[in-house]
Amino acid sequence: MFFFVGFVVIFGAVFGGYIAAGGKMAPIIKAAPFEIVIIGGAAIGAALVGNSFAIFKAAMGGIAKCISGAKWKQADYLAVMVLVGKLLGVMKKEGVVALEAHVENPDSSPIFGEFPKLAHDHFIVQMICDPLRLAVISQGNLEADTVEDIMKTAIKAHHHDALRASAALSSISGSLPALGIVACVLGVIKTMGAIDQPPPVLGALIGAALVGTMLGVFMSYAMFEPFAGRLAQVIDEDGQIYNVIQQMIVSNLRGHPQPVMIETARACISHHNQPSFSEVFDALRGS
């Protein structure tokens, strides 16, 4: 919602102010398609040269994430706490060997099957299964600090990879003003080729050339730089769910009582997505 409100404000302020000052939109509308092809095409080409296709694809898909916002909502944080709690319950009641079927074949696990949205996220499944697999292999003789270090490293690496999409958008933003100048210079070259034309014709050609500079700066600071910043915020917020998993597993390995484990995990979540203690406690008790 705020995404679209922001765009209305941007376009209203820039072009509304221009029109209010007596400017005409006709020259901009006429020149914009050609300038956008030059500037946008060069920016996309440079992004393809400077990034792997996976990062480029994630950057373009990241624009949609700017609109939709964070993937994980309050219900998902409650669900992941219940999911991990159930698996830890199996380890406590039936022993670590009983966990093997769940962590080795999560696709066929009835516990994972209760939470399809979480089960379809590869990294969430990996974050849960990998440390619990270590618990199975070590037969419960596993140091909590070791597991915490491993999980922190995995989360850091995943977060670093995810932020490359935001960095790619930021790089595109940085290139757009200069590419706008390139488009403008090409327009000036075109104008010089028509130097024998009357002033009205030359004025229109120069105006069209300057549209390139305007669009390059506008697209950079009013579009792609905000995209990059917003995508980084979304990635940071979605990353909280991995910290929840880490805190629950590590807290359990340290022998903390369930209320402490719940509070430790809840502390990782932004306030607007935080399920209440009673919600989590009742859901785990009911499971």
C-alpha atoms as a PDB file:
ATOM      1  CA  MET A   1       0.000   0.000   0.000  1.00  0.00           C
ATOM      2  CA  PHE A   2       2.689   2.500   1.026  1.00  0.00           C
ATOM      3  CA  PHE A   3       4.699   1.442  -2.038  1.00  0.00           C
ATOM      4  CA  PHE A   4       2.020   2.771  -4.383  1.00  0.00           C
ATOM      5  CA  VAL A   5       1.326   5.818  -2.212  1.00  0.00           C
ATOM      6  CA  GLY A   6       5.012   6.647  -2.464  1.00  0.00           C
ATOM      7  CA  PHE A   7       4.959   6.441  -6.247  1.00  0.00           C
ATOM      8  CA  VAL A   8       1.903   8.678  -6.445  1.00  0.00           C
ATOM      9  CA  VAL A   9       3.710  11.244  -4.284  1.00  0.00           C
ATOM     10  CA  ILE A  10       6.902  11.003  -6.383  1.00  0.00           C
ATOM     11  CA  PHE A  11       5.214  11.398  -9.765  1.00  0.00           C
ATOM     12  CA  GLY A  12       2.792  13.992  -8.424  1.00  0.00           C
ATOM     13  CA  ALA A  13       5.542  16.119  -6.924  1.00  0.00           C
ATOM     14  CA  VAL A  14       7.932  15.923  -9.889  1.00  0.00           C
ATOM     15  CA  PHE A  15       5.626  16.104 -12.877  1.00  0.00           C
ATOM     16  CA  GLY A  16       2.799  17.911 -11.087  1.00  0.00           C
ATOM     17  CA  GLY A  17       5.244  20.624 -10.055  1.00  0.00           C
ATOM     18  CA  TYR A  18       6.624  20.772 -13.589  1.00  0.00           C
ATOM     19  CA  ILE A  19       3.166  21.200 -15.100  1.00  0.00           C
ATOM     20  CA  ALA A  20       2.172  23.736 -12.434  1.00  0.00           C
ATOM     21  CA  ALA A  21       5.235  25.796 -13.400  1.00  0.00           C
ATOM     22  CA  GLY A  22       3.991  25.927 -16.992  1.00  0.00           C
ATOM     23  CA  GLY A  23       5.896  22.971 -18.399  1.00  0.00           C
ATOM     24  CA  LYS A  24       4.491  20.860 -21.214  1.00  0.00           C
ATOM     25  CA  MET A  25       4.473  17.067 -20.994  1.00  0.00           C
ATOM     26  CA  ALA A  26       4.391  16.540 -24.768  1.00  0.00           C
ATOM     27  CA  PRO A  27       8.195  16.798 -25.295  1.00  0.00           C
ATOM     28  CA  ILE A  28       8.861  14.402 -22.402  1.00  0.00           C
ATOM     29  CA  ILE A  29       6.249  11.886 -23.554  1.00  0.00           C
ATOM     30  CA  LYS A  30       7.602  11.994 -27.107  1.00  0.00           C
ATOM     31  CA  ALA A  31      11.244  11.508 -26.110  1.00  0.00           C
ATOM     32  CA  ALA A  32      10.817   9.181 -23.113  1.00  0.00           C
ATOM     33  CA  PRO A  33      10.350   5.823 -24.952  1.00  0.00           C
ATOM     34  CA  PHE A  34      13.625   6.195 -26.877  1.00  0.00           C
ATOM     35  CA  GLU A  35      15.540   7.498 -23.872  1.00  0.00           C
ATOM     36  CA  ILE A  36      14.235   4.664 -21.683  1.00  0.00           C
ATOM     37  CA  VAL A  37      15.354   2.099 -24.271  1.00  0.00           C
ATOM     38  CA  ILE A  38      18.875   3.575 -24.255  1.00  0.00           C
ATOM     39  CA  ILE A  39      19.165   4.071 -20.499  1.00  0.00           C
ATOM     40  CA  GLY A  40      17.211   1.015 -19.352  1.00  0.00           C
ATOM     41  CA  GLY A  41      18.750  -1.311 -21.923  1.00  0.00           C
ATOM     42  CA  ALA A  42      22.283  -0.227 -21.030  1.00  0.00           C
ATOM     43  CA  ALA A  43      21.543  -0.572 -17.294  1.00  0.00           C
ATOM     44  CA  ILE A  44      20.158  -4.094 -17.753  1.00  0.00           C
ATOM     45  CA  GLY A  45      23.090  -5.073 -19.954  1.00  0.00           C
ATOM     46  CA  ALA A  46      25.572  -3.752 -17.395  1.00  0.00           C
ATOM     47  CA  ALA A  47      23.758  -5.649 -14.642  1.00  0.00           C
ATOM     48  CA  LEU A  48      24.014  -8.860 -16.666  1.00  0.00           C
ATOM     49  CA  VAL A  49      27.729  -8.290 -17.176  1.00  0.00           C
ATOM     50  CA  GLY A  50      28.365  -7.487 -13.515  1.00  0.00           C
ATOM     51  CA  ASN A  51      26.310 -10.260 -11.890  1.00  0.00           C
ATOM     52  CA  SER A  52      25.550 -13.931 -12.257  1.00  0.00           C
ATOM     53  CA  PHE A  53      22.168 -14.678 -13.801  1.00  0.00           C
ATOM     54  CA  ALA A  54      20.904 -15.958 -10.449  1.00  0.00           C
ATOM     55  CA  ILE A  55      21.707 -12.646  -8.752  1.00  0.00           C
ATOM     56  CA  PHE A  56      20.267 -10.649 -11.671  1.00  0.00           C
ATOM     57  CA  LYS A  57      17.070 -12.701 -11.519  1.00  0.00           C
ATOM     58  CA  ALA A  58      16.847 -12.238  -7.742  1.00  0.00           C
ATOM     59  CA  ALA A  59      17.352  -8.477  -8.164  1.00  0.00           C
ATOM     60  CA  MET A  60      14.534  -8.182 -10.713  1.00  0.00           C
ATOM     61  CA  GLY A  61      12.307 -10.425  -8.597  1.00  0.00           C
ATOM     62  CA  GLY A  62      13.213  -8.296  -5.605  1.00  0.00           C
ATOM     63  CA  ILE A  63      11.149  -5.444  -7.040  1.00  0.00           C
ATOM     64  CA  ALA A  64       8.058  -7.609  -6.540  1.00  0.00           C
ATOM     65  CA  LYS A  65       9.183  -8.235  -2.943  1.00  0.00           C
ATOM     66  CA  CYS A  66       9.288  -4.463  -2.427  1.00  0.00           C
ATOM     67  CA  ILE A  67       5.576  -4.443  -3.231  1.00  0.00           C
ATOM     68  CA  SER A  68       4.520  -7.570  -1.320  1.00  0.00           C
ATOM     69  CA  GLY A  69       6.758  -6.984   1.713  1.00  0.00           C
ATOM     70  CA  ALA A  70       8.183  -9.642   4.018  1.00  0.00           C
ATOM     71  CA  LYS A  71       7.220 -13.244   3.314  1.00  0.00           C
ATOM     72  CA  TRP A  72       6.895 -14.383   6.921  1.00  0.00           C
ATOM     73  CA  LYS A  73       3.995 -13.102   9.021  1.00  0.00           C
ATOM     74  CA  GLN A  74       3.020 -13.589  12.656  1.00  0.00           C
ATOM     75  CA  ALA A  75       1.248 -16.881  11.910  1.00  0.00           C
ATOM     76  CA  ASP A  76       4.402 -18.234  10.246  1.00  0.00           C
ATOM     77  CA  TYR A  77       6.556 -17.404  13.283  1.00  0.00           C
ATOM     78  CA  LEU A  78       4.067 -19.212  15.494  1.00  0.00           C
ATOM     79  CA  ALA A  79       4.076 -22.140  13.073  1.00  0.00           C
ATOM     80  CA  VAL A  80       7.864 -22.455  12.964  1.00  0.00           C
ATOM     81  CA  MET A  81       8.057 -22.397  16.760  1.00  0.00           C
ATOM     82  CA  VAL A  82       5.468 -25.159  16.952  1.00  0.00           C
ATOM     83  CA  LEU A  83       7.231 -27.162  14.233  1.00  0.00           C
ATOM     84  CA  VAL A  84      10.612 -27.008  15.957  1.00  0.00           C
ATOM     85  CA  GLY A  85       8.946 -27.584  19.319  1.00  0.00           C
ATOM     86  CA  LYS A  86       7.303 -30.767  18.080  1.00  0.00           C
ATOM     87  CA  LEU A  87      10.592 -32.122  16.737  1.00  0.00           C
ATOM     88  CA  LEU A  88      12.352 -31.307  19.999  1.00  0.00           C
ATOM     89  CA  GLY A  89       9.474 -32.994  21.812  1.00  0.00           C
ATOM     90  CA  VAL A  90      10.092 -36.168  19.812  1.00  0.00           C
ATOM     91  CA  MET A  91      13.771 -36.043  20.818  1.00  0.00           C
ATOM     92  CA  LYS A  92      12.868 -35.562  24.486  1.00  0.00           C
ATOM     93  CA  LYS A  93      10.138 -38.204  24.701  1.00  0.00           C
ATOM     94  CA  GLU A  94      11.348 -40.862  22.261  1.00  0.00           C
ATOM     95  CA  GLY A  95      15.088 -40.216  22.080  1.00  0.00           C
ATOM     96  CA  VAL A  96      17.320 -38.801  19.356  1.00  0.00           C
ATOM     97  CA  VAL A  97      17.044 -41.933  17.196  1.00  0.00           C
ATOM     98  CA  ALA A  98      13.333 -41.219  16.689  1.00  0.00           C
ATOM     99  CA  LEU A  99      14.300 -37.933  15.007  1.00  0.00           C
ATOM    100  CA  GLU A 100      16.212 -39.659  12.206  1.00  0.00           C
ATOM    101  CA  ALA A 101      13.181 -40.332  10.010  1.00  0.00           C
ATOM    102  CA  HIS A 102      12.091 -36.687  10.258  1.00  0.00           C
ATOM    103  CA  VAL A 103      15.454 -35.033   9.557  1.00  0.00           C
ATOM    104  CA  GLU A 104      16.601 -37.439   6.839  1.00  0.00           C
ATOM    105  CA  ASN A 105      13.293 -37.441   4.956  1.00  0.00           C
ATOM    106  CA  PRO A 106      11.464 -34.216   5.824  1.00  0.00           C
ATOM    107  CA  ASP A 107       9.287 -34.541   2.694  1.00  0.00           C
ATOM    108  CA  SER A 108       7.681 -37.654   4.164  1.00  0.00           C
ATOM    109  CA  SER A 109       7.682 -36.458   7.776  1.00  0.00           C
ATOM    110  CA  PRO A 110       4.158 -36.068   9.209  1.00  0.00           C
ATOM    111  CA  ILE A 111       5.402 -33.215  11.415  1.00  0.00           C
ATOM    112  CA  PHE A 112       6.794 -31.213   8.491  1.00  0.00           C
ATOM    113  CA  GLY A 113       3.648 -32.131   6.565  1.00  0.00           C
ATOM    114  CA  GLU A 114       1.557 -30.112   9.028  1.00  0.00           C
ATOM    115  CA  PHE A 115       3.346 -26.939   7.914  1.00  0.00           C
ATOM    116  CA  PRO A 116       3.467 -26.950   4.084  1.00  0.00           C
ATOM    117  CA  LYS A 117       4.522 -23.296   3.694  1.00  0.00           C
ATOM    118  CA  LEU A 118       7.544 -23.845   5.919  1.00  0.00           C
ATOM    119  CA  ALA A 119       8.302 -27.259   4.431  1.00  0.00           C
ATOM    120  CA  HIS A 120       8.514 -25.722   0.950  1.00  0.00           C
ATOM    121  CA  ASP A 121      11.262 -23.330   2.051  1.00  0.00           C
ATOM    122  CA  HIS A 122      14.511 -25.192   1.448  1.00  0.00           C
ATOM    123  CA  PHE A 123      16.661 -23.150   3.824  1.00  0.00           C
ATOM    124  CA  ILE A 124      14.194 -23.391   6.722  1.00  0.00           C
ATOM    125  CA  VAL A 125      14.125 -27.174   6.343  1.00  0.00           C
ATOM    126  CA  GLN A 126      17.930 -27.184   6.158  1.00  0.00           C
ATOM    127  CA  MET A 127      18.247 -24.968   9.246  1.00  0.00           C
ATOM    128  CA  ILE A 128      16.059 -27.352  11.237  1.00  0.00           C
ATOM    129  CA  CYS A 129      17.309 -30.690   9.943  1.00  0.00           C
ATOM    130  CA  ASP A 130      21.062 -30.106   9.844  1.00  0.00           C
ATOM    131  CA  PRO A 131      21.633 -29.446  13.576  1.00  0.00           C
ATOM    132  CA  LEU A 132      19.105 -32.098  14.585  1.00  0.00           C
ATOM    133  CA  ARG A 133      20.909 -34.572  12.321  1.00  0.00           C
ATOM    134  CA  LEU A 134      24.075 -33.816  14.285  1.00  0.00           C
ATOM    135  CA  ALA A 135      22.140 -34.595  17.461  1.00  0.00           C
ATOM    136  CA  VAL A 136      21.126 -37.971  15.994  1.00  0.00           C
ATOM    137  CA  ILE A 137      24.662 -38.797  14.877  1.00  0.00           C
ATOM    138  CA  SER A 138      26.201 -37.804  18.203  1.00  0.00           C
ATOM    139  CA  GLN A 139      23.494 -39.666  20.132  1.00  0.00           C
ATOM    140  CA  GLY A 140      22.692 -36.525  22.110  1.00  0.00           C
ATOM    141  CA  ASN A 141      26.304 -35.793  23.097  1.00  0.00           C
ATOM    142  CA  LEU A 142      26.414 -32.441  21.362  1.00  0.00           C
ATOM    143  CA  GLU A 143      27.723 -29.145  22.683  1.00  0.00           C
ATOM    144  CA  ALA A 144      25.245 -26.288  22.356  1.00  0.00           C
ATOM    145  CA  ASP A 145      27.985 -23.726  21.622  1.00  0.00           C
ATOM    146  CA  THR A 146      29.217 -25.776  18.669  1.00  0.00           C
ATOM    147  CA  VAL A 147      25.738 -25.997  17.193  1.00  0.00           C
ATOM    148  CA  GLU A 148      25.207 -22.279  17.764  1.00  0.00           C
ATOM    149  CA  ASP A 149      28.426 -21.433  15.891  1.00  0.00           C
ATOM    150  CA  ILE A 150      27.458 -23.664  12.969  1.00  0.00           C
ATOM    151  CA  MET A 151      23.966 -22.186  12.714  1.00  0.00           C
ATOM    152  CA  LYS A 152      25.233 -18.612  12.995  1.00  0.00           C
ATOM    153  CA  THR A 153      27.666 -19.258  10.149  1.00  0.00           C
ATOM    154  CA  ALA A 154      24.924 -20.762   7.972  1.00  0.00           C
ATOM    155  CA  ILE A 155      22.566 -17.839   8.649  1.00  0.00           C
ATOM    156  CA  LYS A 156      25.307 -15.292   7.941  1.00  0.00           C
ATOM    157  CA  ALA A 157      26.212 -16.943   4.621  1.00  0.00           C
ATOM    158  CA  HIS A 158      22.566 -17.168   3.549  1.00  0.00           C
ATOM    159  CA  HIS A 159      21.909 -13.553   4.522  1.00  0.00           C
ATOM    160  CA  HIS A 160      24.994 -12.370   2.642  1.00  0.00           C
ATOM    161  CA  ASP A 161      23.848 -14.196  -0.500  1.00  0.00           C
ATOM    162  CA  ALA A 162      20.324 -12.790  -0.217  1.00  0.00           C
ATOM    163  CA  LEU A 163      21.624  -9.215   0.108  1.00  0.00           C
ATOM    164  CA  ARG A 164      23.462  -9.516  -3.219  1.00  0.00           C
ATOM    165  CA  ALA A 165      20.120  -8.840  -4.957  1.00  0.00           C
ATOM    166  CA  SER A 166      19.784  -5.554  -3.096  1.00  0.00           C
ATOM    167  CA  ALA A 167      23.388  -4.670  -3.931  1.00  0.00           C
ATOM    168  CA  ALA A 168      22.693  -5.360  -7.614  1.00  0.00           C
ATOM    169  CA  LEU A 169      19.719  -2.966  -7.574  1.00  0.00           C
ATOM    170  CA  SER A 170      21.859  -0.372  -5.832  1.00  0.00           C
ATOM    171  CA  SER A 171      24.520  -0.807  -8.525  1.00  0.00           C
ATOM    172  CA  ILE A 172      21.898  -0.266 -11.240  1.00  0.00           C
ATOM    173  CA  SER A 173      20.780   2.862  -9.413  1.00  0.00           C
ATOM    174  CA  GLY A 174      24.328   4.169  -9.343  1.00  0.00           C
ATOM    175  CA  SER A 175      24.757   3.685 -13.089  1.00  0.00           C
ATOM    176  CA  LEU A 176      21.535   5.341 -14.216  1.00  0.00           C
ATOM    177  CA  PRO A 177      22.561   9.036 -13.891  1.00  0.00           C
ATOM    178  CA  ALA A 178      25.689   8.416 -15.988  1.00  0.00           C
ATOM    179  CA  LEU A 179      23.703   6.436 -18.548  1.00  0.00           C
ATOM    180  CA  GLY A 180      21.265   9.341 -18.652  1.00  0.00           C
ATOM    181  CA  ILE A 181      24.193  11.554 -19.609  1.00  0.00           C
ATOM    182  CA  VAL A 182      25.124   9.068 -22.338  1.00  0.00           C
ATOM    183  CA  ALA A 183      21.587   9.313 -23.712  1.00  0.00           C
ATOM    184  CA  CYS A 184      21.774  13.104 -23.491  1.00  0.00           C
ATOM    185  CA  VAL A 185      25.110  13.239 -25.356  1.00  0.00           C
ATOM    186  CA  LEU A 186      23.679  11.042 -28.094  1.00  0.00           C
ATOM    187  CA  GLY A 187      20.805  13.502 -28.344  1.00  0.00           C
ATOM    188  CA  VAL A 188      23.264  16.386 -28.630  1.00  0.00           C
ATOM    189  CA  ILE A 189      25.116  14.528 -31.404  1.00  0.00           C
ATOM    190  CA  LYS A 190      21.800  14.130 -33.184  1.00  0.00           C
ATOM    191  CA  THR A 191      21.105  17.836 -32.694  1.00  0.00           C
ATOM    192  CA  MET A 192      24.501  18.808 -34.122  1.00  0.00           C
ATOM    193  CA  GLY A 193      23.650  16.831 -37.223  1.00  0.00           C
ATOM    194  CA  ALA A 194      20.656  19.104 -37.692  1.00  0.00           C
ATOM    195  CA  ILE A 195      22.425  22.359 -36.904  1.00  0.00           C
ATOM    196  CA  ASP A 196      21.109  23.912 -40.128  1.00  0.00           C
ATOM    197  CA  GLN A 197      17.513  23.538 -38.958  1.00  0.00           C
ATOM    198  CA  PRO A 198      15.480  26.502 -37.664  1.00  0.00           C
ATOM    199  CA  PRO A 199      15.454  27.320 -33.889  1.00  0.00           C
ATOM    200  CA  PRO A 200      12.105  25.599 -33.140  1.00  0.00           C
ATOM    201  CA  VAL A 201      13.464  22.319 -34.524  1.00  0.00           C
ATOM    202  CA  LEU A 202      16.774  22.657 -32.690  1.00  0.00           C
ATOM    203  CA  GLY A 203      14.958  23.550 -29.465  1.00  0.00           C
ATOM    204  CA  ALA A 204      12.863  20.380 -29.692  1.00  0.00           C
ATOM    205  CA  LEU A 205      15.971  18.252 -30.330  1.00  0.00           C
ATOM    206  CA  ILE A 206      17.873  19.765 -27.394  1.00  0.00           C
ATOM    207  CA  GLY A 207      14.847  19.342 -25.137  1.00  0.00           C
ATOM    208  CA  ALA A 208      14.570  15.684 -26.136  1.00  0.00           C
ATOM    209  CA  ALA A 209      18.282  15.211 -25.356  1.00  0.00           C
ATOM    210  CA  LEU A 210      17.869  16.703 -21.895  1.00  0.00           C
ATOM    211  CA  VAL A 211      15.020  14.284 -21.165  1.00  0.00           C
ATOM    212  CA  GLY A 212      17.692  11.564 -21.071  1.00  0.00           C
ATOM    213  CA  THR A 213      19.569  13.233 -18.231  1.00  0.00           C
ATOM    214  CA  MET A 214      16.348  13.874 -16.340  1.00  0.00           C
ATOM    215  CA  LEU A 215      15.149  10.275 -16.689  1.00  0.00           C
ATOM    216  CA  GLY A 216      18.506   8.821 -15.655  1.00  0.00           C
ATOM    217  CA  VAL A 217      18.577  10.820 -12.428  1.00  0.00           C
ATOM    218  CA  PHE A 218      14.843  10.313 -11.802  1.00  0.00           C
ATOM    219  CA  MET A 219      14.968   6.534 -12.287  1.00  0.00           C
ATOM    220  CA  SER A 220      18.045   6.305 -10.055  1.00  0.00           C
ATOM    221  CA  TYR A 221      16.965   8.269  -6.996  1.00  0.00           C
ATOM    222  CA  ALA A 222      13.179   7.970  -7.225  1.00  0.00           C
ATOM    223  CA  MET A 223      12.958   4.302  -8.248  1.00  0.00           C
ATOM    224  CA  PHE A 224      15.944   1.958  -8.084  1.00  0.00           C
ATOM    225  CA  GLU A 225      17.662   3.353  -4.991  1.00  0.00           C
ATOM    226  CA  PRO A 226      14.402   3.082  -2.988  1.00  0.00           C
ATOM    227  CA  PHE A 227      13.921  -0.430  -4.451  1.00  0.00           C
ATOM    228  CA  ALA A 228      17.372  -1.459  -3.203  1.00  0.00           C
ATOM    229  CA  GLY A 229      16.792  -0.022   0.270  1.00  0.00           C
ATOM    230  CA  ARG A 230      13.362  -1.566   0.639  1.00  0.00           C
ATOM    231  CA  LEU A 231      14.552  -4.979  -0.581  1.00  0.00           C
ATOM    232  CA  ALA A 232      17.329  -4.950   2.038  1.00  0.00           C
ATOM    233  CA  GLN A 233      14.709  -4.226   4.718  1.00  0.00           C
ATOM    234  CA  VAL A 234      12.529  -7.135   3.524  1.00  0.00           C
ATOM    235  CA  ILE A 235      15.515  -9.508   3.472  1.00  0.00           C
ATOM    236  CA  ASP A 236      16.519  -8.441   6.990  1.00  0.00           C
ATOM    237  CA  GLU A 237      12.992  -8.980   8.301  1.00  0.00           C
ATOM    238  CA  ASP A 238      12.562 -12.373   6.648  1.00  0.00           C
ATOM    239  CA  GLY A 239      15.906 -13.445   8.109  1.00  0.00           C
ATOM    240  CA  GLN A 240      14.478 -13.263  11.628  1.00  0.00           C
ATOM    241  CA  ILE A 241      12.763 -16.624  11.205  1.00  0.00           C
ATOM    242  CA  TYR A 242      16.145 -18.367  10.952  1.00  0.00           C
ATOM    243  CA  ASN A 243      17.252 -16.798  14.226  1.00  0.00           C
ATOM    244  CA  VAL A 244      14.084 -18.143  15.855  1.00  0.00           C
ATOM    245  CA  ILE A 245      15.004 -21.666  14.755  1.00  0.00           C
ATOM    246  CA  GLN A 246      18.567 -21.245  15.997  1.00  0.00           C
ATOM    247  CA  GLN A 247      17.525 -19.948  19.399  1.00  0.00           C
ATOM    248  CA  MET A 248      14.998 -22.740  19.974  1.00  0.00           C
ATOM    249  CA  ILE A 249      17.405 -25.541  19.094  1.00  0.00           C
ATOM    250  CA  VAL A 250      20.373 -24.078  20.987  1.00  0.00           C
ATOM    251  CA  SER A 251      18.243 -23.245  24.024  1.00  0.00           C
ATOM    252  CA  ASN A 252      16.954 -26.825  24.078  1.00  0.00           C
ATOM    253  CA  LEU A 253      20.473 -28.257  23.844  1.00  0.00           C
ATOM    254  CA  ARG A 254      21.472 -26.095  26.798  1.00  0.00           C
ATOM    255  CA  GLY A 255      18.699 -27.669  28.832  1.00  0.00           C
ATOM    256  CA  HIS A 256      16.663 -24.509  29.301  1.00  0.00           C
ATOM    257  CA  PRO A 257      13.045 -24.984  30.374  1.00  0.00           C
ATOM    258  CA  GLN A 258      10.366 -24.499  27.718  1.00  0.00           C
ATOM    259  CA  PRO A 259       9.274 -20.996  28.858  1.00  0.00           C
ATOM    260  CA  VAL A 260      12.863 -19.747  28.542  1.00  0.00           C
ATOM    261  CA  MET A 261      13.195 -21.383  25.123  1.00  0.00           C
ATOM    262  CA  ILE A 262       9.993 -19.649  23.960  1.00  0.00           C
ATOM    263  CA  GLU A 263      11.040 -16.228  25.241  1.00  0.00           C
ATOM    264  CA  THR A 264      14.521 -16.556  23.750  1.00  0.00           C
ATOM    265  CA  ALA A 265      13.005 -17.319  20.357  1.00  0.00           C
ATOM    266  CA  ARG A 266      10.340 -14.606  20.587  1.00  0.00           C
ATOM    267  CA  ALA A 267      13.020 -12.003  21.324  1.00  0.00           C
ATOM    268  CA  CYS A 268      14.361 -12.469  17.761  1.00  0.00           C
ATOM    269  CA  ILE A 269      11.102 -11.328  16.165  1.00  0.00           C
ATOM    270  CA  SER A 270      10.024  -7.773  15.379  1.00  0.00           C
ATOM    271  CA  HIS A 271       7.214  -6.641  17.631  1.00  0.00           C
ATOM    272  CA  HIS A 272       4.556  -6.495  14.885  1.00  0.00           C
ATOM    273  CA  ASN A 273       5.191 -10.169  13.975  1.00  0.00           C
ATOM    274  CA  GLN A 274       5.677 -11.499  17.502  1.00  0.00           C
ATOM    275  CA  PRO A 275       3.173 -14.126  18.613  1.00  0.00           C
ATOM    276  CA  SER A 276       2.288 -13.803  22.276  1.00  0.00           C
ATOM    277  CA  PHE A 277       3.906 -16.077  24.847  1.00  0.00           C
ATOM    278  CA  SER A 278       0.561 -17.680  25.648  1.00  0.00           C
ATOM    279  CA  GLU A 279      -0.096 -18.433  21.958  1.00  0.00           C
ATOM    280  CA  VAL A 280       3.196 -20.259  21.611  1.00  0.00           C
ATOM    281  CA  PHE A 281       3.005 -21.965  24.993  1.00  0.00           C
ATOM    282  CA  ASP A 282      -0.575 -23.195  24.429  1.00  0.00           C
ATOM    283  CA  ALA A 283       0.255 -24.382  20.895  1.00  0.00           C
ATOM    284  CA  LEU A 284       3.276 -26.354  22.112  1.00  0.00           C
ATOM    285  CA  ARG A 285       1.378 -27.775  25.071  1.00  0.00           C
ATOM    286  CA  GLY A 286      -1.442 -28.832  22.735  1.00  0.00           C
ATOM    287  CA  SER A 287       0.980 -30.566  20.452  1.00  0.00           C
END
